[in-house]
PDB file of N, CA and C in Angstrom:
ATOM      1  N   MET A   1      -0.299   4.705 -20.874  1.00  0.00           N
ATOM      2  CA  MET A   1       0.335   4.963 -19.594  1.00  0.00           C
ATOM      3  C   MET A   1      -0.329   6.107 -18.828  1.00  0.00           C
ATOM      4  N   ALA A   2      -1.124   6.923 -19.506  1.00  0.00           N
ATOM      5  CA  ALA A   2      -1.766   8.042 -18.829  1.00  0.00           C
ATOM      6  C   ALA A   2      -2.704   7.548 -17.731  1.00  0.00           C
ATOM      7  N   ILE A   3      -3.354   6.427 -17.956  1.00  0.00           N
ATOM      8  CA  ILE A   3      -4.257   5.883 -16.937  1.00  0.00           C
ATOM      9  C   ILE A   3      -3.457   5.506 -15.702  1.00  0.00           C
ATOM     10  N   ARG A   4      -2.337   4.809 -15.901  1.00  0.00           N
ATOM     11  CA  ARG A   4      -1.482   4.415 -14.778  1.00  0.00           C
ATOM     12  C   ARG A   4      -1.038   5.651 -14.009  1.00  0.00           C
ATOM     13  N   GLU A   5      -0.571   6.667 -14.736  1.00  0.00           N
ATOM     14  CA  GLU A   5      -0.071   7.877 -14.082  1.00  0.00           C
ATOM     15  C   GLU A   5      -1.169   8.577 -13.283  1.00  0.00           C
ATOM     16  N   ASP A   6      -2.343   8.679 -13.863  1.00  0.00           N
ATOM     17  CA  ASP A   6      -3.458   9.342 -13.168  1.00  0.00           C
ATOM     18  C   ASP A   6      -3.857   8.574 -11.903  1.00  0.00           C
ATOM     19  N   LEU A   7      -3.965   7.256 -12.031  1.00  0.00           N
ATOM     20  CA  LEU A   7      -4.348   6.438 -10.874  1.00  0.00           C
ATOM     21  C   LEU A   7      -3.277   6.463  -9.793  1.00  0.00           C
ATOM     22  N   LEU A   8      -2.013   6.381 -10.207  1.00  0.00           N
ATOM     23  CA  LEU A   8      -0.920   6.413  -9.239  1.00  0.00           C
ATOM     24  C   LEU A   8      -0.884   7.761  -8.526  1.00  0.00           C
ATOM     25  N   GLN A   9      -1.050   8.832  -9.278  1.00  0.00           N
ATOM     26  CA  GLN A   9      -1.051  10.159  -8.663  1.00  0.00           C
ATOM     27  C   GLN A   9      -2.194  10.306  -7.661  1.00  0.00           C
ATOM     28  N   ALA A  10      -3.370   9.809  -8.017  1.00  0.00           N
ATOM     29  CA  ALA A  10      -4.514   9.897  -7.103  1.00  0.00           C
ATOM     30  C   ALA A  10      -4.245   9.114  -5.818  1.00  0.00           C
ATOM     31  N   LEU A  11      -3.665   7.927  -5.949  1.00  0.00           N
ATOM     32  CA  LEU A  11      -3.358   7.127  -4.762  1.00  0.00           C
ATOM     33  C   LEU A  11      -2.273   7.797  -3.929  1.00  0.00           C
ATOM     34  N   GLN A  12      -1.241   8.313  -4.581  1.00  0.00           N
ATOM     35  CA  GLN A  12      -0.172   8.986  -3.840  1.00  0.00           C
ATOM     36  C   GLN A  12      -0.696  10.222  -3.117  1.00  0.00           C
ATOM     37  N   GLU A  13      -1.594  10.966  -3.744  1.00  0.00           N
ATOM     38  CA  GLU A  13      -2.183  12.132  -3.079  1.00  0.00           C
ATOM     39  C   GLU A  13      -2.987  11.709  -1.855  1.00  0.00           C
ATOM     40  N   ARG A  14      -3.708  10.608  -1.974  1.00  0.00           N
ATOM     41  CA  ARG A  14      -4.461  10.075  -0.837  1.00  0.00           C
ATOM     42  C   ARG A  14      -3.502   9.721   0.303  1.00  0.00           C
ATOM     43  N   LEU A  15      -2.417   9.068  -0.032  1.00  0.00           N
ATOM     44  CA  LEU A  15      -1.436   8.660   0.987  1.00  0.00           C
ATOM     45  C   LEU A  15      -0.778   9.871   1.634  1.00  0.00           C
ATOM     46  N   LEU A  16      -0.488  10.890   0.839  1.00  0.00           N
ATOM     47  CA  LEU A  16       0.093  12.110   1.398  1.00  0.00           C
ATOM     48  C   LEU A  16      -0.871  12.792   2.362  1.00  0.00           C
ATOM     49  N   ARG A  17      -2.161  12.778   2.033  1.00  0.00           N
ATOM     50  CA  ARG A  17      -3.163  13.364   2.935  1.00  0.00           C
ATOM     51  C   ARG A  17      -3.227  12.593   4.252  1.00  0.00           C
ATOM     52  N   VAL A  18      -3.139  11.278   4.173  1.00  0.00           N
ATOM     53  CA  VAL A  18      -3.136  10.472   5.400  1.00  0.00           C
ATOM     54  C   VAL A  18      -1.910  10.826   6.236  1.00  0.00           C
ATOM     55  N   SER A  19      -0.764  10.895   5.586  1.00  0.00           N
ATOM     56  CA  SER A  19       0.468  11.205   6.297  1.00  0.00           C
ATOM     57  C   SER A  19       0.419  12.603   6.919  1.00  0.00           C
ATOM     58  N   ALA A  20      -0.114  13.562   6.183  1.00  0.00           N
ATOM     59  CA  ALA A  20      -0.150  14.946   6.654  1.00  0.00           C
ATOM     60  C   ALA A  20      -1.179  15.163   7.758  1.00  0.00           C
ATOM     61  N   THR A  21      -2.325  14.480   7.653  1.00  0.00           N
ATOM     62  CA  THR A  21      -3.415  14.744   8.602  1.00  0.00           C
ATOM     63  C   THR A  21      -3.527  13.693   9.695  1.00  0.00           C
ATOM     64  N   GLY A  22      -2.977  12.507   9.442  1.00  0.00           N
ATOM     65  CA  GLY A  22      -3.150  11.420  10.395  1.00  0.00           C
ATOM     66  C   GLY A  22      -4.542  10.824  10.351  1.00  0.00           C
ATOM     67  N   ASP A  23      -5.312  11.158   9.313  1.00  0.00           N
ATOM     68  CA  ASP A  23      -6.692  10.692   9.194  1.00  0.00           C
ATOM     69  C   ASP A  23      -6.735   9.369   8.436  1.00  0.00           C
ATOM     70  N   PRO A  24      -6.897   8.250   9.147  1.00  0.00           N
ATOM     71  CA  PRO A  24      -6.883   6.954   8.481  1.00  0.00           C
ATOM     72  C   PRO A  24      -8.145   6.653   7.678  1.00  0.00           C
ATOM     73  N   SER A  25      -9.189   7.451   7.847  1.00  0.00           N
ATOM     74  CA  SER A  25     -10.427   7.177   7.114  1.00  0.00           C
ATOM     75  C   SER A  25     -10.201   7.228   5.611  1.00  0.00           C
ATOM     76  N   LEU A  26      -9.200   7.962   5.184  1.00  0.00           N
ATOM     77  CA  LEU A  26      -8.913   8.095   3.755  1.00  0.00           C
ATOM     78  C   LEU A  26      -8.471   6.786   3.114  1.00  0.00           C
ATOM     79  N   VAL A  27      -7.852   5.900   3.889  1.00  0.00           N
ATOM     80  CA  VAL A  27      -7.440   4.597   3.338  1.00  0.00           C
ATOM     81  C   VAL A  27      -8.452   3.511   3.652  1.00  0.00           C
ATOM     82  N   LEU A  28      -9.399   3.814   4.523  1.00  0.00           N
ATOM     83  CA  LEU A  28     -10.418   2.834   4.864  1.00  0.00           C
ATOM     84  C   LEU A  28     -11.643   2.933   3.958  1.00  0.00           C
ATOM     85  N   GLU A  29     -11.722   3.995   3.189  1.00  0.00           N
ATOM     86  CA  GLU A  29     -12.832   4.169   2.252  1.00  0.00           C
ATOM     87  C   GLU A  29     -12.773   3.094   1.173  1.00  0.00           C
ATOM     88  N   GLN A  30     -13.923   2.648   0.737  1.00  0.00           N
ATOM     89  CA  GLN A  30     -13.989   1.686  -0.363  1.00  0.00           C
ATOM     90  C   GLN A  30     -13.324   2.248  -1.619  1.00  0.00           C
ATOM     91  N   ALA A  31     -13.399   3.554  -1.784  1.00  0.00           N
ATOM     92  CA  ALA A  31     -12.795   4.201  -2.951  1.00  0.00           C
ATOM     93  C   ALA A  31     -11.281   3.996  -2.993  1.00  0.00           C
ATOM     94  N   ALA A  32     -10.645   3.911  -1.839  1.00  0.00           N
ATOM     95  CA  ALA A  32      -9.201   3.683  -1.806  1.00  0.00           C
ATOM     96  C   ALA A  32      -8.849   2.306  -2.361  1.00  0.00           C
ATOM     97  N   LEU A  33      -9.619   1.320  -1.968  1.00  0.00           N
ATOM     98  CA  LEU A  33      -9.370  -0.035  -2.490  1.00  0.00           C
ATOM     99  C   LEU A  33      -9.720  -0.125  -3.971  1.00  0.00           C
ATOM    100  N   ALA A  34     -10.766   0.578  -4.384  1.00  0.00           N
ATOM    101  CA  ALA A  34     -11.130   0.592  -5.801  1.00  0.00           C
ATOM    102  C   ALA A  34     -10.021   1.240  -6.627  1.00  0.00           C
ATOM    103  N   GLN A  35      -9.450   2.322  -6.123  1.00  0.00           N
ATOM    104  CA  GLN A  35      -8.317   2.970  -6.793  1.00  0.00           C
ATOM    105  C   GLN A  35      -7.158   1.990  -6.930  1.00  0.00           C
ATOM    106  N   ALA A  36      -6.858   1.293  -5.853  1.00  0.00           N
ATOM    107  CA  ALA A  36      -5.752   0.337  -5.866  1.00  0.00           C
ATOM    108  C   ALA A  36      -6.009  -0.777  -6.877  1.00  0.00           C
ATOM    109  N   ASP A  37      -7.231  -1.296  -6.898  1.00  0.00           N
ATOM    110  CA  ASP A  37      -7.575  -2.356  -7.846  1.00  0.00           C
ATOM    111  C   ASP A  37      -7.437  -1.873  -9.288  1.00  0.00           C
ATOM    112  N   GLN A  38      -7.887  -0.667  -9.559  1.00  0.00           N
ATOM    113  CA  GLN A  38      -7.771  -0.107 -10.905  1.00  0.00           C
ATOM    114  C   GLN A  38      -6.304   0.089 -11.291  1.00  0.00           C
ATOM    115  N   LEU A  39      -5.502   0.523 -10.338  1.00  0.00           N
ATOM    116  CA  LEU A  39      -4.082   0.736 -10.598  1.00  0.00           C
ATOM    117  C   LEU A  39      -3.385  -0.589 -10.911  1.00  0.00           C
ATOM    118  N   VAL A  40      -3.702  -1.617 -10.152  1.00  0.00           N
ATOM    119  CA  VAL A  40      -3.122  -2.934 -10.413  1.00  0.00           C
ATOM    120  C   VAL A  40      -3.533  -3.407 -11.800  1.00  0.00           C
ATOM    121  N   ALA A  41      -4.800  -3.268 -12.134  1.00  0.00           N
ATOM    122  CA  ALA A  41      -5.284  -3.705 -13.450  1.00  0.00           C
ATOM    123  C   ALA A  41      -4.596  -2.938 -14.576  1.00  0.00           C
ATOM    124  N   ALA A  42      -4.299  -1.675 -14.351  1.00  0.00           N
ATOM    125  CA  ALA A  42      -3.668  -0.852 -15.380  1.00  0.00           C
ATOM    126  C   ALA A  42      -2.190  -1.165 -15.557  1.00  0.00           C
ATOM    127  N   THR A  43      -1.610  -1.875 -14.609  1.00  0.00           N
ATOM    128  CA  THR A  43      -0.164  -2.145 -14.682  1.00  0.00           C
ATOM    129  C   THR A  43       0.158  -3.624 -14.837  1.00  0.00           C
ATOM    130  N   LEU A  44      -0.830  -4.422 -15.168  1.00  0.00           N
ATOM    131  CA  LEU A  44      -0.609  -5.869 -15.300  1.00  0.00           C
ATOM    132  C   LEU A  44      -0.093  -6.250 -16.689  1.00  0.00           C
ATOM    133  N   HIS A  45       0.834  -5.521 -17.206  1.00  0.00           N
ATOM    134  CA  HIS A  45       1.424  -5.860 -18.498  1.00  0.00           C
ATOM    135  C   HIS A  45       2.926  -6.037 -18.311  1.00  0.00           C
ATOM    136  N   GLY A  46       3.487  -6.923 -19.039  1.00  0.00           N
ATOM    137  CA  GLY A  46       4.922  -7.143 -18.950  1.00  0.00           C
ATOM    138  C   GLY A  46       5.298  -8.003 -17.760  1.00  0.00           C
ATOM    139  N   ASP A  47       6.556  -8.363 -17.732  1.00  0.00           N
ATOM    140  CA  ASP A  47       7.060  -9.252 -16.696  1.00  0.00           C
ATOM    141  C   ASP A  47       7.714  -8.507 -15.540  1.00  0.00           C
ATOM    142  N   GLU A  48       8.014  -7.252 -15.733  1.00  0.00           N
ATOM    143  CA  GLU A  48       8.762  -6.502 -14.730  1.00  0.00           C
ATOM    144  C   GLU A  48       7.810  -5.844 -13.727  1.00  0.00           C
ATOM    145  N   ALA A  49       8.168  -5.913 -12.460  1.00  0.00           N
ATOM    146  CA  ALA A  49       7.356  -5.302 -11.403  1.00  0.00           C
ATOM    147  C   ALA A  49       7.429  -3.784 -11.519  1.00  0.00           C
ATOM    148  N   ASP A  50       6.327  -3.123 -11.320  1.00  0.00           N
ATOM    149  CA  ASP A  50       6.262  -1.671 -11.312  1.00  0.00           C
ATOM    150  C   ASP A  50       6.491  -1.229  -9.870  1.00  0.00           C
ATOM    151  N   LEU A  51       7.742  -0.934  -9.553  1.00  0.00           N
ATOM    152  CA  LEU A  51       8.116  -0.663  -8.164  1.00  0.00           C
ATOM    153  C   LEU A  51       7.437   0.579  -7.602  1.00  0.00           C
ATOM    154  N   GLU A  52       7.190   1.559  -8.434  1.00  0.00           N
ATOM    155  CA  GLU A  52       6.520   2.765  -7.949  1.00  0.00           C
ATOM    156  C   GLU A  52       5.089   2.442  -7.517  1.00  0.00           C
ATOM    157  N   VAL A  53       4.421   1.613  -8.296  1.00  0.00           N
ATOM    158  CA  VAL A  53       3.058   1.193  -7.951  1.00  0.00           C
ATOM    159  C   VAL A  53       3.080   0.315  -6.708  1.00  0.00           C
ATOM    160  N   LEU A  54       3.996  -0.640  -6.666  1.00  0.00           N
ATOM    161  CA  LEU A  54       4.090  -1.520  -5.501  1.00  0.00           C
ATOM    162  C   LEU A  54       4.356  -0.722  -4.230  1.00  0.00           C
ATOM    163  N   HIS A  55       5.195   0.285  -4.329  1.00  0.00           N
ATOM    164  CA  HIS A  55       5.515   1.124  -3.180  1.00  0.00           C
ATOM    165  C   HIS A  55       4.264   1.832  -2.661  1.00  0.00           C
ATOM    166  N   ALA A  56       3.483   2.401  -3.572  1.00  0.00           N
ATOM    167  CA  ALA A  56       2.243   3.080  -3.164  1.00  0.00           C
ATOM    168  C   ALA A  56       1.249   2.087  -2.567  1.00  0.00           C
ATOM    169  N   LEU A  57       1.128   0.912  -3.184  1.00  0.00           N
ATOM    170  CA  LEU A  57       0.216  -0.104  -2.651  1.00  0.00           C
ATOM    171  C   LEU A  57       0.670  -0.579  -1.275  1.00  0.00           C
ATOM    172  N   GLY A  58       1.982  -0.698  -1.087  1.00  0.00           N
ATOM    173  CA  GLY A  58       2.500  -1.090   0.217  1.00  0.00           C
ATOM    174  C   GLY A  58       2.105  -0.099   1.300  1.00  0.00           C
ATOM    175  N   TRP A  59       2.221   1.190   0.990  1.00  0.00           N
ATOM    176  CA  TRP A  59       1.831   2.207   1.964  1.00  0.00           C
ATOM    177  C   TRP A  59       0.335   2.202   2.220  1.00  0.00           C
ATOM    178  N   LEU A  60      -0.454   2.020   1.160  1.00  0.00           N
ATOM    179  CA  LEU A  60      -1.907   1.953   1.348  1.00  0.00           C
ATOM    180  C   LEU A  60      -2.260   0.855   2.346  1.00  0.00           C
ATOM    181  N   HIS A  61      -1.722  -0.323   2.131  1.00  0.00           N
ATOM    182  CA  HIS A  61      -2.072  -1.446   3.005  1.00  0.00           C
ATOM    183  C   HIS A  61      -1.429  -1.312   4.384  1.00  0.00           C
ATOM    184  N   TRP A  62      -0.286  -0.657   4.470  1.00  0.00           N
ATOM    185  CA  TRP A  62       0.333  -0.418   5.783  1.00  0.00           C
ATOM    186  C   TRP A  62      -0.553   0.519   6.616  1.00  0.00           C
ATOM    187  N   TYR A  63      -0.999   1.621   5.990  1.00  0.00           N
ATOM    188  CA  TYR A  63      -1.877   2.544   6.714  1.00  0.00           C
ATOM    189  C   TYR A  63      -3.183   1.859   7.108  1.00  0.00           C
ATOM    190  N   ARG A  64      -3.713   1.017   6.237  1.00  0.00           N
ATOM    191  CA  ARG A  64      -4.934   0.275   6.578  1.00  0.00           C
ATOM    192  C   ARG A  64      -4.664  -0.660   7.758  1.00  0.00           C
ATOM    193  N   TYR A  65      -3.526  -1.334   7.729  1.00  0.00           N
ATOM    194  CA  TYR A  65      -3.149  -2.222   8.829  1.00  0.00           C
ATOM    195  C   TYR A  65      -3.129  -1.459  10.155  1.00  0.00           C
ATOM    196  N   LEU A  66      -2.559  -0.263  10.165  1.00  0.00           N
ATOM    197  CA  LEU A  66      -2.487   0.531  11.386  1.00  0.00           C
ATOM    198  C   LEU A  66      -3.858   1.006  11.847  1.00  0.00           C
ATOM    199  N   ALA A  67      -4.781   1.246  10.907  1.00  0.00           N
ATOM    200  CA  ALA A  67      -6.072   1.842  11.237  1.00  0.00           C
ATOM    201  C   ALA A  67      -7.157   0.828  11.597  1.00  0.00           C
ATOM    202  N   LEU A  68      -7.053  -0.375  11.061  1.00  0.00           N
ATOM    203  CA  LEU A  68      -8.117  -1.365  11.273  1.00  0.00           C
ATOM    204  C   LEU A  68      -8.025  -2.000  12.662  1.00  0.00           C
ATOM    205  N   PRO A  69      -9.147  -2.475  13.182  1.00  0.00           N
ATOM    206  CA  PRO A  69      -9.117  -3.224  14.442  1.00  0.00           C
ATOM    207  C   PRO A  69      -8.249  -4.474  14.275  1.00  0.00           C
ATOM    208  N   GLU A  70      -7.649  -4.894  15.345  1.00  0.00           N
ATOM    209  CA  GLU A  70      -6.711  -6.023  15.302  1.00  0.00           C
ATOM    210  C   GLU A  70      -7.315  -7.255  14.634  1.00  0.00           C
ATOM    211  N   SER A  71      -8.572  -7.505  14.843  1.00  0.00           N
ATOM    212  CA  SER A  71      -9.208  -8.707  14.289  1.00  0.00           C
ATOM    213  C   SER A  71      -9.424  -8.631  12.782  1.00  0.00           C
ATOM    214  N   GLN A  72      -9.211  -7.452  12.177  1.00  0.00           N
ATOM    215  CA  GLN A  72      -9.485  -7.275  10.746  1.00  0.00           C
ATOM    216  C   GLN A  72      -8.268  -6.895   9.915  1.00  0.00           C
ATOM    217  N   ARG A  73      -7.090  -6.859  10.492  1.00  0.00           N
ATOM    218  CA  ARG A  73      -5.975  -6.246   9.774  1.00  0.00           C
ATOM    219  C   ARG A  73      -4.899  -7.181   9.240  1.00  0.00           C
ATOM    220  N   ASP A  74      -4.982  -8.461   9.520  1.00  0.00           N
ATOM    221  CA  ASP A  74      -3.934  -9.386   9.089  1.00  0.00           C
ATOM    222  C   ASP A  74      -3.720  -9.387   7.578  1.00  0.00           C
ATOM    223  N   GLU A  75      -4.808  -9.344   6.819  1.00  0.00           N
ATOM    224  CA  GLU A  75      -4.690  -9.375   5.356  1.00  0.00           C
ATOM    225  C   GLU A  75      -3.926  -8.154   4.842  1.00  0.00           C
ATOM    226  N   ASP A  76      -4.191  -6.994   5.439  1.00  0.00           N
ATOM    227  CA  ASP A  76      -3.483  -5.790   4.994  1.00  0.00           C
ATOM    228  C   ASP A  76      -2.007  -5.836   5.372  1.00  0.00           C
ATOM    229  N   LEU A  77      -1.676  -6.397   6.513  1.00  0.00           N
ATOM    230  CA  LEU A  77      -0.267  -6.562   6.867  1.00  0.00           C
ATOM    231  C   LEU A  77       0.417  -7.483   5.866  1.00  0.00           C
ATOM    232  N   ASP A  78      -0.205  -8.609   5.579  1.00  0.00           N
ATOM    233  CA  ASP A  78       0.383  -9.557   4.629  1.00  0.00           C
ATOM    234  C   ASP A  78       0.562  -8.922   3.251  1.00  0.00           C
ATOM    235  N   THR A  79      -0.443  -8.185   2.813  1.00  0.00           N
ATOM    236  CA  THR A  79      -0.360  -7.528   1.504  1.00  0.00           C
ATOM    237  C   THR A  79       0.729  -6.475   1.504  1.00  0.00           C
ATOM    238  N   SER A  80       0.802  -5.683   2.549  1.00  0.00           N
ATOM    239  CA  SER A  80       1.828  -4.643   2.639  1.00  0.00           C
ATOM    240  C   SER A  80       3.228  -5.253   2.561  1.00  0.00           C
ATOM    241  N   VAL A  81       3.471  -6.262   3.356  1.00  0.00           N
ATOM    242  CA  VAL A  81       4.786  -6.919   3.345  1.00  0.00           C
ATOM    243  C   VAL A  81       5.067  -7.508   1.966  1.00  0.00           C
ATOM    244  N   GLY A  82       4.058  -8.140   1.380  1.00  0.00           N
ATOM    245  CA  GLY A  82       4.237  -8.767   0.072  1.00  0.00           C
ATOM    246  C   GLY A  82       4.584  -7.791  -1.030  1.00  0.00           C
ATOM    247  N   VAL A  83       3.932  -6.631  -1.046  1.00  0.00           N
ATOM    248  CA  VAL A  83       4.222  -5.687  -2.126  1.00  0.00           C
ATOM    249  C   VAL A  83       5.431  -4.808  -1.832  1.00  0.00           C
ATOM    250  N   PHE A  84       5.769  -4.622  -0.570  1.00  0.00           N
ATOM    251  CA  PHE A  84       6.999  -3.891  -0.248  1.00  0.00           C
ATOM    252  C   PHE A  84       8.251  -4.740  -0.528  1.00  0.00           C
ATOM    253  N   THR A  85       8.142  -6.044  -0.447  1.00  0.00           N
ATOM    254  CA  THR A  85       9.322  -6.907  -0.569  1.00  0.00           C
ATOM    255  C   THR A  85      10.118  -6.647  -1.854  1.00  0.00           C
ATOM    256  N   PRO A  86       9.495  -6.626  -3.034  1.00  0.00           N
ATOM    257  CA  PRO A  86      10.291  -6.344  -4.237  1.00  0.00           C
ATOM    258  C   PRO A  86      10.937  -4.955  -4.195  1.00  0.00           C
ATOM    259  N   CYS A  87      10.277  -4.009  -3.550  1.00  0.00           N
ATOM    260  CA  CYS A  87      10.848  -2.662  -3.420  1.00  0.00           C
ATOM    261  C   CYS A  87      12.124  -2.708  -2.592  1.00  0.00           C
ATOM    262  N   PHE A  88      12.064  -3.410  -1.469  1.00  0.00           N
ATOM    263  CA  PHE A  88      13.240  -3.508  -0.601  1.00  0.00           C
ATOM    264  C   PHE A  88      14.365  -4.274  -1.293  1.00  0.00           C
ATOM    265  N   ILE A  89      14.020  -5.337  -1.983  1.00  0.00           N
ATOM    266  CA  ILE A  89      15.028  -6.134  -2.680  1.00  0.00           C
ATOM    267  C   ILE A  89      15.741  -5.296  -3.742  1.00  0.00           C
ATOM    268  N   SER A  90      15.001  -4.408  -4.395  1.00  0.00           N
ATOM    269  CA  SER A  90      15.579  -3.572  -5.450  1.00  0.00           C
ATOM    270  C   SER A  90      16.380  -2.400  -4.888  1.00  0.00           C
ATOM    271  N   GLY A  91      16.326  -2.215  -3.577  1.00  0.00           N
ATOM    272  CA  GLY A  91      17.094  -1.140  -2.960  1.00  0.00           C
ATOM    273  C   GLY A  91      16.264   0.058  -2.544  1.00  0.00           C
ATOM    274  N   ARG A  92      14.978   0.029  -2.799  1.00  0.00           N
ATOM    275  CA  ARG A  92      14.108   1.132  -2.384  1.00  0.00           C
ATOM    276  C   ARG A  92      13.778   0.919  -0.913  1.00  0.00           C
ATOM    277  N   ARG A  93      14.321   1.741  -0.061  1.00  0.00           N
ATOM    278  CA  ARG A  93      14.246   1.499   1.386  1.00  0.00           C
ATOM    279  C   ARG A  93      13.226   2.355   2.118  1.00  0.00           C
ATOM    280  N   SER A  94      12.484   3.180   1.425  1.00  0.00           N
ATOM    281  CA  SER A  94      11.550   4.054   2.144  1.00  0.00           C
ATOM    282  C   SER A  94      10.232   3.322   2.373  1.00  0.00           C
ATOM    283  N   GLY A  95      10.175   2.644   3.471  1.00  0.00           N
ATOM    284  CA  GLY A  95       8.974   1.920   3.864  1.00  0.00           C
ATOM    285  C   GLY A  95       8.745   2.101   5.349  1.00  0.00           C
ATOM    286  N   PRO A  96       7.702   1.514   5.851  1.00  0.00           N
ATOM    287  CA  PRO A  96       7.396   1.652   7.277  1.00  0.00           C
ATOM    288  C   PRO A  96       8.392   0.857   8.125  1.00  0.00           C
ATOM    289  N   PRO A  97       8.428   1.156   9.412  1.00  0.00           N
ATOM    290  CA  PRO A  97       9.286   0.365  10.299  1.00  0.00           C
ATOM    291  C   PRO A  97       8.735  -1.050  10.420  1.00  0.00           C
ATOM    292  N   PRO A  98       9.568  -1.997  10.822  1.00  0.00           N
ATOM    293  CA  PRO A  98       9.058  -3.366  10.993  1.00  0.00           C
ATOM    294  C   PRO A  98       7.925  -3.395  12.012  1.00  0.00           C
ATOM    295  N   PRO A  99       6.867  -4.136  11.719  1.00  0.00           N
ATOM    296  CA  PRO A  99       5.763  -4.228  12.674  1.00  0.00           C
ATOM    297  C   PRO A  99       6.211  -4.918  13.958  1.00  0.00           C
ATOM    298  N   THR A 100       5.594  -4.516  15.060  1.00  0.00           N
ATOM    299  CA  THR A 100       5.979  -5.094  16.346  1.00  0.00           C
ATOM    300  C   THR A 100       4.829  -5.850  16.991  1.00  0.00           C
ATOM    301  N   THR A 101       3.819  -6.162  16.222  1.00  0.00           N
ATOM    302  CA  THR A 101       2.681  -6.897  16.774  1.00  0.00           C
ATOM    303  C   THR A 101       3.012  -8.387  16.823  1.00  0.00           C
ATOM    304  N   PRO A 102       2.359  -9.136  17.691  1.00  0.00           N
ATOM    305  CA  PRO A 102       2.585 -10.585  17.715  1.00  0.00           C
ATOM    306  C   PRO A 102       2.338 -11.246  16.363  1.00  0.00           C
ATOM    307  N   THR A 103       1.335 -10.775  15.627  1.00  0.00           N
ATOM    308  CA  THR A 103       1.061 -11.337  14.298  1.00  0.00           C
ATOM    309  C   THR A 103       2.268 -11.149  13.391  1.00  0.00           C
ATOM    310  N   ALA A 104       2.829  -9.959  13.408  1.00  0.00           N
ATOM    311  CA  ALA A 104       3.953  -9.662  12.530  1.00  0.00           C
ATOM    312  C   ALA A 104       5.213 -10.410  12.944  1.00  0.00           C
ATOM    313  N   GLN A 105       5.324 -10.743  14.208  1.00  0.00           N
ATOM    314  CA  GLN A 105       6.487 -11.467  14.677  1.00  0.00           C
ATOM    315  C   GLN A 105       6.341 -12.961  14.532  1.00  0.00           C
ATOM    316  N   GLY A 106       5.176 -13.409  14.090  1.00  0.00           N
ATOM    317  CA  GLY A 106       4.964 -14.825  13.868  1.00  0.00           C
ATOM    318  C   GLY A 106       4.584 -15.613  15.119  1.00  0.00           C
ATOM    319  N   TYR A 107       4.106 -14.961  16.134  1.00  0.00           N
ATOM    320  CA  TYR A 107       3.717 -15.662  17.366  1.00  0.00           C
ATOM    321  C   TYR A 107       2.321 -16.176  17.254  1.00  0.00           C
TER     322      TYR A 107
END
């Protein structure tokens, strides 16, 4: 579990820096996606969703969605919604506001 904890902490620190500075480059770096991939690989055991990991991944992809050009961000929106969904269902409500883009509204 130490690997999971280290990777999760690194991702959460990255997200906190984005939130504190408003600098989206931190989530657009290839290293951010590599961290996320490693974290997912480290938590792919058992049948139960790791809500703490899903929550961090949801924020990573939400920030990427906000930072990327409109023509490149649909995948991150879909991923963010997908990984936040189990968090919301379980009662964890700290997520981004609903998107207001035409893509997010299904137009």
